[in-house]
């Protein structure tokens, strides 16, 4: 578990967004290829897009692009002409987009029911509260740290509004470690209970979300965050354990 102050400010960030990015709606059919998002973790505009990815239960390959980053920022400039974030690439439709609100509209139109929920039509208000959320975390997740590049993509089971997953995503961003984000929002009532309480009650919610089903089947429990590193065959629950692992294995 993150330290008390770290957890407090991460919780404040989630609260500032009204706990958006927790609930998920199971898709009829997931797209065959994960989306691609060039992203900065504590960027208020990127946060909005990641929240919608959780709501629509969409997976994405995240290319972390912190300030002064040298891996994916130059790649984005070569690809699209400027280092502006977020930037979405959808290999399923050959669509690429800047601008968070344009990306959100595209995601709902393409992978939702075609209607943009009212709260997302109030783009200016969403941006303001996302800025407040970023303020709660200060500079965490923004500045680059030297790291060793993994050969294979890491996989992170997460949902955007989780205060525990946020420190992991921040470090992944700072280390410029690309990863496959496997969204695990909540869709069932029992999933809102803390994992410790679910385990004591021997309660396994009947989730409809593929990533939650897979994690429960493969690991025997459900908890967020969960990191899978195919480079070392390591799987870890718990935020602090994952942060320590990433620092020990990839920071230089």
Protein backbone atom coordinates (compact mmCIF):
# COMPACT_ATOMS: atom_id res chain seq x y z
CA UNK A 1 0.00 0.00 0.00
CA UNK A 2 1.36 3.50 -0.79
CA UNK A 3 2.57 5.61 2.13
CA UNK A 4 -0.10 7.63 3.97
CA UNK A 5 0.60 10.97 2.23
CA UNK A 6 0.97 9.34 -1.17
CA UNK A 7 -2.32 7.49 -0.72
CA UNK A 8 -4.05 10.61 0.61
CA UNK A 9 -3.13 12.77 -2.39
CA UNK A 10 -3.94 9.94 -4.80
CA UNK A 11 -7.34 9.57 -3.14
CA UNK A 12 -7.87 13.34 -3.36
CA UNK A 13 -7.09 13.17 -7.08
CA UNK A 14 -9.75 10.49 -7.55
CA UNK A 15 -12.23 12.43 -5.42
CA UNK A 16 -11.61 15.63 -7.41
CA UNK A 17 -12.84 13.73 -10.46
CA UNK A 18 -15.93 12.49 -8.65
CA UNK A 19 -14.53 8.95 -8.79
CA UNK A 20 -14.85 8.90 -12.56
CA UNK A 21 -12.93 6.08 -14.23
CA UNK A 22 -14.11 3.29 -11.94
CA UNK A 23 -17.35 1.97 -13.39
CA UNK A 24 -17.18 0.04 -16.64
CA UNK A 25 -19.73 -1.12 -19.16
CA UNK A 26 -18.96 -4.52 -20.72
CA UNK A 27 -18.58 -4.28 -24.47
CA UNK A 28 -20.45 -6.55 -26.83
CA UNK A 29 -17.22 -7.11 -28.73
CA UNK A 30 -13.79 -5.77 -27.86
CA UNK A 31 -11.79 -4.48 -30.80
CA UNK A 32 -9.32 -7.10 -32.06
CA UNK A 33 -6.31 -4.81 -31.53
CA UNK A 34 -5.66 -2.69 -28.44
CA UNK A 35 -5.73 1.04 -28.97
CA UNK A 36 -2.50 3.04 -28.69
CA UNK A 37 -2.22 6.11 -26.48
CA UNK A 38 0.72 8.49 -26.25
CA UNK A 39 0.24 9.71 -22.72
CA UNK A 40 1.53 11.64 -19.70
CA UNK A 41 0.17 10.22 -16.48
CA UNK A 42 -0.54 13.45 -14.56
CA UNK A 43 -1.65 15.44 -17.60
CA UNK A 44 -5.27 16.58 -16.97
CA UNK A 45 -6.22 16.08 -20.61
CA UNK A 46 -4.77 12.57 -20.80
CA UNK A 47 -6.62 11.62 -17.63
CA UNK A 48 -9.97 12.29 -19.27
CA UNK A 49 -9.18 9.90 -22.11
CA UNK A 50 -7.98 7.18 -19.74
CA UNK A 51 -11.19 7.52 -17.73
CA UNK A 52 -13.24 6.85 -20.84
CA UNK A 53 -11.04 3.88 -21.71
CA UNK A 54 -12.02 2.46 -18.31
CA UNK A 55 -15.70 3.28 -18.77
CA UNK A 56 -15.77 1.57 -22.17
CA UNK A 57 -13.58 -1.33 -20.99
CA UNK A 58 -11.01 -0.71 -23.71
CA UNK A 59 -7.42 -1.92 -23.50
CA UNK A 60 -4.61 0.25 -24.77
CA UNK A 61 -0.87 0.15 -25.30
CA UNK A 62 0.41 3.15 -23.37
CA UNK A 63 3.49 4.97 -24.62
CA UNK A 64 4.51 7.10 -21.62
CA UNK A 65 5.88 10.48 -22.66
CA UNK A 66 7.06 12.44 -19.62
CA UNK A 67 8.68 15.84 -19.89
CA UNK A 68 12.13 15.59 -21.48
CA UNK A 69 11.40 12.00 -22.42
CA UNK A 70 13.52 10.64 -25.28
CA UNK A 71 11.68 7.44 -26.26
CA UNK A 72 8.18 8.26 -27.38
CA UNK A 73 8.09 12.04 -27.65
CA UNK A 74 10.42 12.06 -30.70
CA UNK A 75 8.48 9.10 -32.10
CA UNK A 76 5.22 11.05 -31.85
CA UNK A 77 6.72 14.12 -33.51
CA UNK A 78 7.90 11.93 -36.39
CA UNK A 79 4.50 10.25 -36.59
CA UNK A 80 2.13 13.19 -36.28
CA UNK A 81 4.18 16.39 -36.32
CA UNK A 82 4.11 17.60 -32.71
CA UNK A 83 4.57 16.44 -29.13
CA UNK A 84 1.05 17.10 -27.90
CA UNK A 85 -0.78 14.81 -25.51
CA UNK A 86 -2.94 12.81 -25.51
CA UNK A 87 -2.63 11.29 -28.96
CA UNK A 88 -4.72 8.24 -29.85
CA UNK A 89 -4.02 5.72 -32.59
CA UNK A 90 -6.72 3.17 -33.36
CA UNK A 91 -5.24 0.37 -35.50
CA UNK A 92 -8.71 -1.12 -35.90
CA UNK A 93 -10.01 1.84 -37.89
CA UNK A 94 -6.81 3.62 -39.00
CA UNK A 95 -7.97 6.73 -37.10
CA UNK A 96 -5.49 8.96 -35.24
CA UNK A 97 -6.46 11.94 -33.11
CA UNK A 98 -5.11 14.74 -30.93
CA UNK A 99 -7.35 16.66 -28.46
CA UNK A 100 -8.88 14.88 -25.49
CA UNK A 101 -12.50 15.84 -26.14
CA UNK A 102 -12.26 14.82 -29.78
CA UNK A 103 -10.79 11.49 -28.71
CA UNK A 104 -13.56 10.98 -26.14
CA UNK A 105 -16.25 11.68 -28.72
CA UNK A 106 -14.59 9.24 -31.11
CA UNK A 107 -14.42 6.50 -28.47
CA UNK A 108 -18.09 6.77 -27.54
CA UNK A 109 -19.17 6.95 -31.16
CA UNK A 110 -17.01 4.00 -32.17
CA UNK A 111 -17.12 1.71 -29.14
CA UNK A 112 -20.06 2.96 -27.08
CA UNK A 113 -23.70 3.04 -28.09
CA UNK A 114 -23.11 6.07 -30.28
CA UNK A 115 -24.30 8.60 -27.69
CA UNK A 116 -21.89 10.78 -25.72
CA UNK A 117 -23.01 10.86 -22.05
CA UNK A 118 -24.07 14.28 -20.80
CA UNK A 119 -21.16 14.63 -18.38
CA UNK A 120 -18.72 14.27 -21.27
CA UNK A 121 -20.50 16.94 -23.25
CA UNK A 122 -19.54 19.37 -20.48
CA UNK A 123 -15.93 19.32 -21.61
CA UNK A 124 -14.80 22.52 -19.92
CA UNK A 125 -16.04 21.39 -16.50
CA UNK A 126 -14.36 18.01 -16.90
CA UNK A 127 -11.08 19.70 -17.77
CA UNK A 128 -11.21 22.01 -14.74
CA UNK A 129 -11.78 19.18 -12.26
CA UNK A 130 -9.08 17.12 -13.96
CA UNK A 131 -6.69 20.03 -13.44
CA UNK A 132 -7.59 19.96 -9.73
CA UNK A 133 -6.82 16.24 -9.68
CA UNK A 134 -3.43 16.89 -11.25
CA UNK A 135 -2.76 19.58 -8.65
CA UNK A 136 -3.33 17.06 -5.86
CA UNK A 137 -0.44 14.97 -7.22
CA UNK A 138 1.96 17.83 -7.90
CA UNK A 139 4.79 16.83 -10.22
CA UNK A 140 4.40 13.08 -9.74
CA UNK A 141 4.52 11.20 -13.01
CA UNK A 142 5.69 14.14 -15.12
CA UNK A 143 9.50 14.18 -15.18
CA UNK A 144 11.60 11.51 -16.86
CA UNK A 145 13.86 9.09 -15.00
CA UNK A 146 16.57 7.00 -16.67
CA UNK A 147 15.58 3.41 -17.25
CA UNK A 148 16.33 0.20 -19.08
CA UNK A 149 13.88 -0.63 -21.86
CA UNK A 150 12.12 -4.03 -21.53
CA UNK A 151 12.11 -6.31 -24.56
CA UNK A 152 8.43 -7.22 -24.14
CA UNK A 153 5.51 -5.04 -23.07
CA UNK A 154 4.65 -5.04 -19.41
CA UNK A 155 0.97 -5.59 -18.61
CA UNK A 156 -0.87 -3.56 -15.99
CA UNK A 157 -4.32 -4.50 -14.74
CA UNK A 158 -5.77 -1.23 -13.55
CA UNK A 159 -8.66 1.19 -13.65
CA UNK A 160 -8.19 4.92 -13.89
CA UNK A 161 -9.87 5.97 -10.65
CA UNK A 162 -7.90 3.58 -8.41
CA UNK A 163 -5.79 5.50 -5.86
CA UNK A 164 -3.56 2.44 -5.54
CA UNK A 165 -2.88 2.00 -9.24
CA UNK A 166 -1.99 5.66 -9.80
CA UNK A 167 1.51 5.55 -8.19
CA UNK A 168 2.36 2.56 -10.39
CA UNK A 169 1.25 4.34 -13.55
CA UNK A 170 3.17 7.45 -12.51
CA UNK A 171 6.41 5.50 -12.17
CA UNK A 172 5.84 3.67 -15.45
CA UNK A 173 5.47 7.08 -17.07
CA UNK A 174 8.59 8.53 -15.49
CA UNK A 175 10.62 5.49 -16.50
CA UNK A 176 9.18 5.62 -20.04
CA UNK A 177 8.19 1.97 -19.79
CA UNK A 178 5.54 1.09 -22.38
CA UNK A 179 2.82 -1.21 -21.16
CA UNK A 180 -0.44 -2.84 -22.11
CA UNK A 181 -3.16 -1.33 -19.98
CA UNK A 182 -5.76 -3.98 -19.23
CA UNK A 183 -8.73 -2.08 -17.87
CA UNK A 184 -10.55 -3.67 -14.94
CA UNK A 185 -13.34 -1.28 -14.01
CA UNK A 186 -16.18 -2.31 -11.74
CA UNK A 187 -19.47 -3.50 -13.17
CA UNK A 188 -20.91 -5.62 -10.33
CA UNK A 189 -22.02 -4.55 -6.84
CA UNK A 190 -19.70 -6.99 -5.06
CA UNK A 191 -16.67 -5.50 -6.81
CA UNK A 192 -17.04 -2.33 -4.74
CA UNK A 193 -16.09 -4.21 -1.58
CA UNK A 194 -12.38 -4.01 -0.59
CA UNK A 195 -10.40 -7.10 -1.66
CA UNK A 196 -9.64 -8.03 1.97
CA UNK A 197 -13.34 -8.04 2.81
CA UNK A 198 -14.21 -10.02 -0.31
CA UNK A 199 -11.64 -12.64 0.64
CA UNK A 200 -12.93 -12.90 4.23
CA UNK A 201 -16.47 -13.33 2.95
CA UNK A 202 -15.22 -15.73 0.28
CA UNK A 203 -17.09 -13.59 -2.20
CA UNK A 204 -16.14 -13.81 -5.87
CA UNK A 205 -18.26 -11.33 -7.86
CA UNK A 206 -19.64 -12.70 -11.11
CA UNK A 207 -17.84 -10.14 -13.25
CA UNK A 208 -18.73 -9.67 -16.89
CA UNK A 209 -15.42 -8.02 -17.75
CA UNK A 210 -12.88 -10.23 -19.57
CA UNK A 211 -9.82 -8.81 -17.80
CA UNK A 212 -11.31 -9.33 -14.33
CA UNK A 213 -12.34 -12.86 -15.25
CA UNK A 214 -8.86 -13.63 -16.59
CA UNK A 215 -7.07 -12.19 -13.55
CA UNK A 216 -9.27 -14.11 -11.12
CA UNK A 217 -8.78 -17.36 -13.02
CA UNK A 218 -5.03 -17.05 -13.49
CA UNK A 219 -4.06 -15.57 -10.11
CA UNK A 220 -6.80 -16.93 -7.88
CA UNK A 221 -7.74 -13.49 -6.62
CA UNK A 222 -8.81 -10.08 -7.82
CA UNK A 223 -6.87 -6.98 -6.85
CA UNK A 224 -5.85 -3.72 -8.46
CA UNK A 225 -3.16 -2.99 -9.45
CA UNK A 226 -1.60 -6.16 -10.80
CA UNK A 227 1.57 -6.11 -12.89
CA UNK A 228 2.67 -8.92 -15.17
CA UNK A 229 6.20 -8.78 -16.53
CA UNK A 230 6.71 -11.36 -19.30
CA UNK A 231 10.41 -10.48 -19.40
CA UNK A 232 10.99 -12.09 -16.00
CA UNK A 233 7.84 -14.16 -15.53
CA UNK A 234 6.94 -12.02 -12.52
CA UNK A 235 3.42 -11.16 -11.40
CA UNK A 236 2.76 -8.79 -8.52
CA UNK A 237 -0.19 -7.35 -6.64
CA UNK A 238 0.11 -4.35 -4.26
CA UNK A 239 1.19 -0.89 -5.29
CA UNK A 240 4.34 -0.60 -3.16
CA UNK A 241 5.61 -4.03 -4.21
CA UNK A 242 5.16 -3.13 -7.88
CA UNK A 243 6.87 0.25 -7.47
CA UNK A 244 9.83 -1.42 -5.74
CA UNK A 245 10.03 -4.06 -8.45
CA UNK A 246 10.03 -1.51 -11.28
CA UNK A 247 12.67 0.58 -9.52
CA UNK A 248 14.91 -2.42 -8.85
CA UNK A 249 14.58 -3.95 -12.32
CA UNK A 250 14.27 -1.03 -14.72
CA UNK A 251 15.51 2.20 -13.14
CA UNK A 252 19.19 2.99 -13.79
